[in-house]
């Protein structure tokens, strides 16, 4: 996996401008902040992020993949101010679960998510190197 950083561009914080990789593609649908039994344990934004990220890691494991294989993340949030206000806690959760791996990312504020209690939904694409 190679990070794409055009010469002269400011280095992004917490994401990459682009990523190039080859291998098996793993697509993980949007994960929200409920557990494996579809139960929410908190309405706190950062807590829901932590659970959504954990859910992503568990799905990736089914493909013998890990957070280090993620090349793209899309975050859908229902409240931009809540997301920005939780940057510190979100960063802590991200580093604890994903590590210091920063794929290409997009964050979008949406009017609502399908599950009423969901405050964030995160989908990822991972590329797992082919086994030789």
C-alpha atoms as a PDB file:
ATOM      1  CA  UNK A   1       0.000   0.000   0.000  1.00  0.00           C
ATOM      2  CA  UNK A   2       1.367   3.382  -0.967  1.00  0.00           C
ATOM      3  CA  UNK A   3       0.143   6.723   0.362  1.00  0.00           C
ATOM      4  CA  UNK A   4      -0.372   9.371  -2.321  1.00  0.00           C
ATOM      5  CA  UNK A   5       0.964  12.745  -1.174  1.00  0.00           C
ATOM      6  CA  UNK A   6       1.459  15.242  -4.015  1.00  0.00           C
ATOM      7  CA  UNK A   7       4.617  17.302  -3.698  1.00  0.00           C
ATOM      8  CA  UNK A   8       4.009  20.675  -2.088  1.00  0.00           C
ATOM      9  CA  UNK A   9       0.669  19.700  -0.533  1.00  0.00           C
ATOM     10  CA  UNK A  10       0.154  20.160   3.199  1.00  0.00           C
ATOM     11  CA  UNK A  11       0.220  16.812   4.970  1.00  0.00           C
ATOM     12  CA  UNK A  12      -3.315  15.837   6.053  1.00  0.00           C
ATOM     13  CA  UNK A  13      -3.994  15.077   9.712  1.00  0.00           C
ATOM     14  CA  UNK A  14      -5.763  11.809  10.463  1.00  0.00           C
ATOM     15  CA  UNK A  15      -6.259  10.677   6.862  1.00  0.00           C
ATOM     16  CA  UNK A  16      -4.457  10.343   3.531  1.00  0.00           C
ATOM     17  CA  UNK A  17      -5.205  12.188   0.302  1.00  0.00           C
ATOM     18  CA  UNK A  18      -5.029   8.934  -1.606  1.00  0.00           C
ATOM     19  CA  UNK A  19      -3.928   5.332  -1.394  1.00  0.00           C
ATOM     20  CA  UNK A  20      -2.888   2.820  -4.041  1.00  0.00           C
ATOM     21  CA  UNK A  21      -2.898  -0.919  -3.286  1.00  0.00           C
ATOM     22  CA  UNK A  22      -3.386  -4.249  -4.997  1.00  0.00           C
ATOM     23  CA  UNK A  23      -4.851  -7.516  -3.753  1.00  0.00           C
ATOM     24  CA  UNK A  24      -8.235  -8.881  -2.664  1.00  0.00           C
ATOM     25  CA  UNK A  25     -10.859  -6.177  -2.175  1.00  0.00           C
ATOM     26  CA  UNK A  26     -12.936  -6.360   1.005  1.00  0.00           C
ATOM     27  CA  UNK A  27     -15.990  -4.089   1.204  1.00  0.00           C
ATOM     28  CA  UNK A  28     -17.531  -3.547   4.615  1.00  0.00           C
ATOM     29  CA  UNK A  29     -20.997  -2.079   4.691  1.00  0.00           C
ATOM     30  CA  UNK A  30     -21.819   0.858   6.913  1.00  0.00           C
ATOM     31  CA  UNK A  31     -21.245  -0.075  10.544  1.00  0.00           C
ATOM     32  CA  UNK A  32     -23.032   1.793  13.305  1.00  0.00           C
ATOM     33  CA  UNK A  33     -22.554   1.966  17.060  1.00  0.00           C
ATOM     34  CA  UNK A  34     -24.502  -1.092  18.100  1.00  0.00           C
ATOM     35  CA  UNK A  35     -23.150  -4.468  19.147  1.00  0.00           C
ATOM     36  CA  UNK A  36     -23.298  -7.841  17.378  1.00  0.00           C
ATOM     37  CA  UNK A  37     -26.878  -8.337  18.573  1.00  0.00           C
ATOM     38  CA  UNK A  38     -27.959  -4.923  17.190  1.00  0.00           C
ATOM     39  CA  UNK A  39     -28.197  -3.344  20.643  1.00  0.00           C
ATOM     40  CA  UNK A  40     -27.059   0.219  21.362  1.00  0.00           C
ATOM     41  CA  UNK A  41     -25.298   0.651  24.714  1.00  0.00           C
ATOM     42  CA  UNK A  42     -24.840   4.415  24.497  1.00  0.00           C
ATOM     43  CA  UNK A  43     -26.072   7.546  22.770  1.00  0.00           C
ATOM     44  CA  UNK A  44     -22.651   9.182  23.213  1.00  0.00           C
ATOM     45  CA  UNK A  45     -21.071  10.006  19.841  1.00  0.00           C
ATOM     46  CA  UNK A  46     -17.518   8.839  20.623  1.00  0.00           C
ATOM     47  CA  UNK A  47     -18.794   5.635  22.235  1.00  0.00           C
ATOM     48  CA  UNK A  48     -20.788   4.860  19.106  1.00  0.00           C
ATOM     49  CA  UNK A  49     -17.703   5.541  16.965  1.00  0.00           C
ATOM     50  CA  UNK A  50     -15.677   3.135  19.102  1.00  0.00           C
ATOM     51  CA  UNK A  51     -18.299   0.403  18.658  1.00  0.00           C
ATOM     52  CA  UNK A  52     -18.629   1.024  14.899  1.00  0.00           C
ATOM     53  CA  UNK A  53     -14.839   0.764  14.488  1.00  0.00           C
ATOM     54  CA  UNK A  54     -14.783  -2.439  16.535  1.00  0.00           C
ATOM     55  CA  UNK A  55     -17.539  -3.842  14.334  1.00  0.00           C
ATOM     56  CA  UNK A  56     -15.466  -3.004  11.236  1.00  0.00           C
ATOM     57  CA  UNK A  57     -12.425  -4.809  12.634  1.00  0.00           C
ATOM     58  CA  UNK A  58     -14.520  -7.887  13.413  1.00  0.00           C
ATOM     59  CA  UNK A  59     -15.952  -8.001   9.874  1.00  0.00           C
ATOM     60  CA  UNK A  60     -12.484  -7.526   8.363  1.00  0.00           C
ATOM     61  CA  UNK A  61     -11.203 -10.456  10.433  1.00  0.00           C
ATOM     62  CA  UNK A  62     -13.666 -12.707   8.591  1.00  0.00           C
ATOM     63  CA  UNK A  63     -11.608 -12.024   5.439  1.00  0.00           C
ATOM     64  CA  UNK A  64      -8.267 -12.501   7.234  1.00  0.00           C
ATOM     65  CA  UNK A  65      -7.859  -8.737   7.062  1.00  0.00           C
ATOM     66  CA  UNK A  66      -7.083  -6.108   9.639  1.00  0.00           C
ATOM     67  CA  UNK A  67      -7.224  -2.354  10.072  1.00  0.00           C
ATOM     68  CA  UNK A  68      -3.876  -2.015   8.299  1.00  0.00           C
ATOM     69  CA  UNK A  69      -5.578  -3.149   5.074  1.00  0.00           C
ATOM     70  CA  UNK A  70      -8.171  -0.345   5.046  1.00  0.00           C
ATOM     71  CA  UNK A  71      -7.625   1.944   2.061  1.00  0.00           C
ATOM     72  CA  UNK A  72     -10.803   4.029   2.245  1.00  0.00           C
ATOM     73  CA  UNK A  73     -13.294   5.073   4.928  1.00  0.00           C
ATOM     74  CA  UNK A  74     -16.499   7.036   4.565  1.00  0.00           C
ATOM     75  CA  UNK A  75     -18.042   8.470   7.711  1.00  0.00           C
ATOM     76  CA  UNK A  76     -21.694   9.570   7.763  1.00  0.00           C
ATOM     77  CA  UNK A  77     -22.578  11.729  10.766  1.00  0.00           C
ATOM     78  CA  UNK A  78     -25.916  13.232  11.705  1.00  0.00           C
ATOM     79  CA  UNK A  79     -24.438  16.204  13.556  1.00  0.00           C
ATOM     80  CA  UNK A  80     -21.239  17.854  12.328  1.00  0.00           C
ATOM     81  CA  UNK A  81     -20.886  19.892  15.516  1.00  0.00           C
ATOM     82  CA  UNK A  82     -21.142  16.784  17.668  1.00  0.00           C
ATOM     83  CA  UNK A  83     -18.506  15.080  15.487  1.00  0.00           C
ATOM     84  CA  UNK A  84     -16.119  18.052  15.665  1.00  0.00           C
ATOM     85  CA  UNK A  85     -16.769  18.430  19.403  1.00  0.00           C
ATOM     86  CA  UNK A  86     -15.746  14.808  19.958  1.00  0.00           C
ATOM     87  CA  UNK A  87     -12.506  14.938  17.896  1.00  0.00           C
ATOM     88  CA  UNK A  88     -10.311  14.118  20.900  1.00  0.00           C
ATOM     89  CA  UNK A  89     -12.355  11.122  22.033  1.00  0.00           C
ATOM     90  CA  UNK A  90     -12.881   9.940  18.446  1.00  0.00           C
ATOM     91  CA  UNK A  91      -9.121  10.145  17.846  1.00  0.00           C
ATOM     92  CA  UNK A  92      -8.438   8.113  20.983  1.00  0.00           C
ATOM     93  CA  UNK A  93     -10.943   5.443  19.939  1.00  0.00           C
ATOM     94  CA  UNK A  94      -9.561   5.406  16.397  1.00  0.00           C
ATOM     95  CA  UNK A  95      -5.955   4.955  17.517  1.00  0.00           C
ATOM     96  CA  UNK A  96      -6.944   2.265  20.044  1.00  0.00           C
ATOM     97  CA  UNK A  97      -8.814   0.187  17.445  1.00  0.00           C
ATOM     98  CA  UNK A  98      -7.403   1.101  14.024  1.00  0.00           C
ATOM     99  CA  UNK A  99      -3.967   2.264  15.139  1.00  0.00           C
ATOM    100  CA  UNK A 100      -1.840   4.857  13.388  1.00  0.00           C
ATOM    101  CA  UNK A 101      -3.087   3.849   9.963  1.00  0.00           C
ATOM    102  CA  UNK A 102      -4.703   6.667   8.007  1.00  0.00           C
ATOM    103  CA  UNK A 103      -6.490   5.669   4.786  1.00  0.00           C
ATOM    104  CA  UNK A 104      -8.248   7.997   2.385  1.00  0.00           C
ATOM    105  CA  UNK A 105     -11.308   9.313   4.252  1.00  0.00           C
ATOM    106  CA  UNK A 106     -14.440  11.279   3.655  1.00  0.00           C
ATOM    107  CA  UNK A 107     -16.836  12.573   6.309  1.00  0.00           C
ATOM    108  CA  UNK A 108     -20.320  13.719   5.366  1.00  0.00           C
ATOM    109  CA  UNK A 109     -23.119  15.173   7.436  1.00  0.00           C
ATOM    110  CA  UNK A 110     -26.452  13.550   6.594  1.00  0.00           C
ATOM    111  CA  UNK A 111     -30.011  14.391   7.612  1.00  0.00           C
ATOM    112  CA  UNK A 112     -30.506  11.020   9.310  1.00  0.00           C
ATOM    113  CA  UNK A 113     -29.388   7.410   9.365  1.00  0.00           C
ATOM    114  CA  UNK A 114     -31.757   4.467   9.016  1.00  0.00           C
ATOM    115  CA  UNK A 115     -31.401   3.471  12.683  1.00  0.00           C
ATOM    116  CA  UNK A 116     -32.812   6.362  14.705  1.00  0.00           C
ATOM    117  CA  UNK A 117     -30.301   6.043  17.590  1.00  0.00           C
ATOM    118  CA  UNK A 118     -27.295   5.865  15.266  1.00  0.00           C
ATOM    119  CA  UNK A 119     -25.148   9.001  15.302  1.00  0.00           C
ATOM    120  CA  UNK A 120     -22.457   7.719  12.936  1.00  0.00           C
ATOM    121  CA  UNK A 121     -22.134   5.125  10.197  1.00  0.00           C
ATOM    122  CA  UNK A 122     -18.745   4.132   8.805  1.00  0.00           C
ATOM    123  CA  UNK A 123     -18.082   2.057   5.702  1.00  0.00           C
ATOM    124  CA  UNK A 124     -14.679   0.858   4.566  1.00  0.00           C
ATOM    125  CA  UNK A 125     -12.860  -0.690   1.662  1.00  0.00           C
ATOM    126  CA  UNK A 126      -9.805  -2.787   2.411  1.00  0.00           C
ATOM    127  CA  UNK A 127      -7.243  -4.322   0.080  1.00  0.00           C
ATOM    128  CA  UNK A 128      -5.595  -7.485   1.341  1.00  0.00           C
ATOM    129  CA  UNK A 129      -2.326  -8.474  -0.386  1.00  0.00           C
ATOM    130  CA  UNK A 130      -2.557 -11.761  -2.271  1.00  0.00           C
ATOM    131  CA  UNK A 131      -0.924 -14.703  -0.540  1.00  0.00           C
ATOM    132  CA  UNK A 132       2.008 -16.182  -2.393  1.00  0.00           C
END
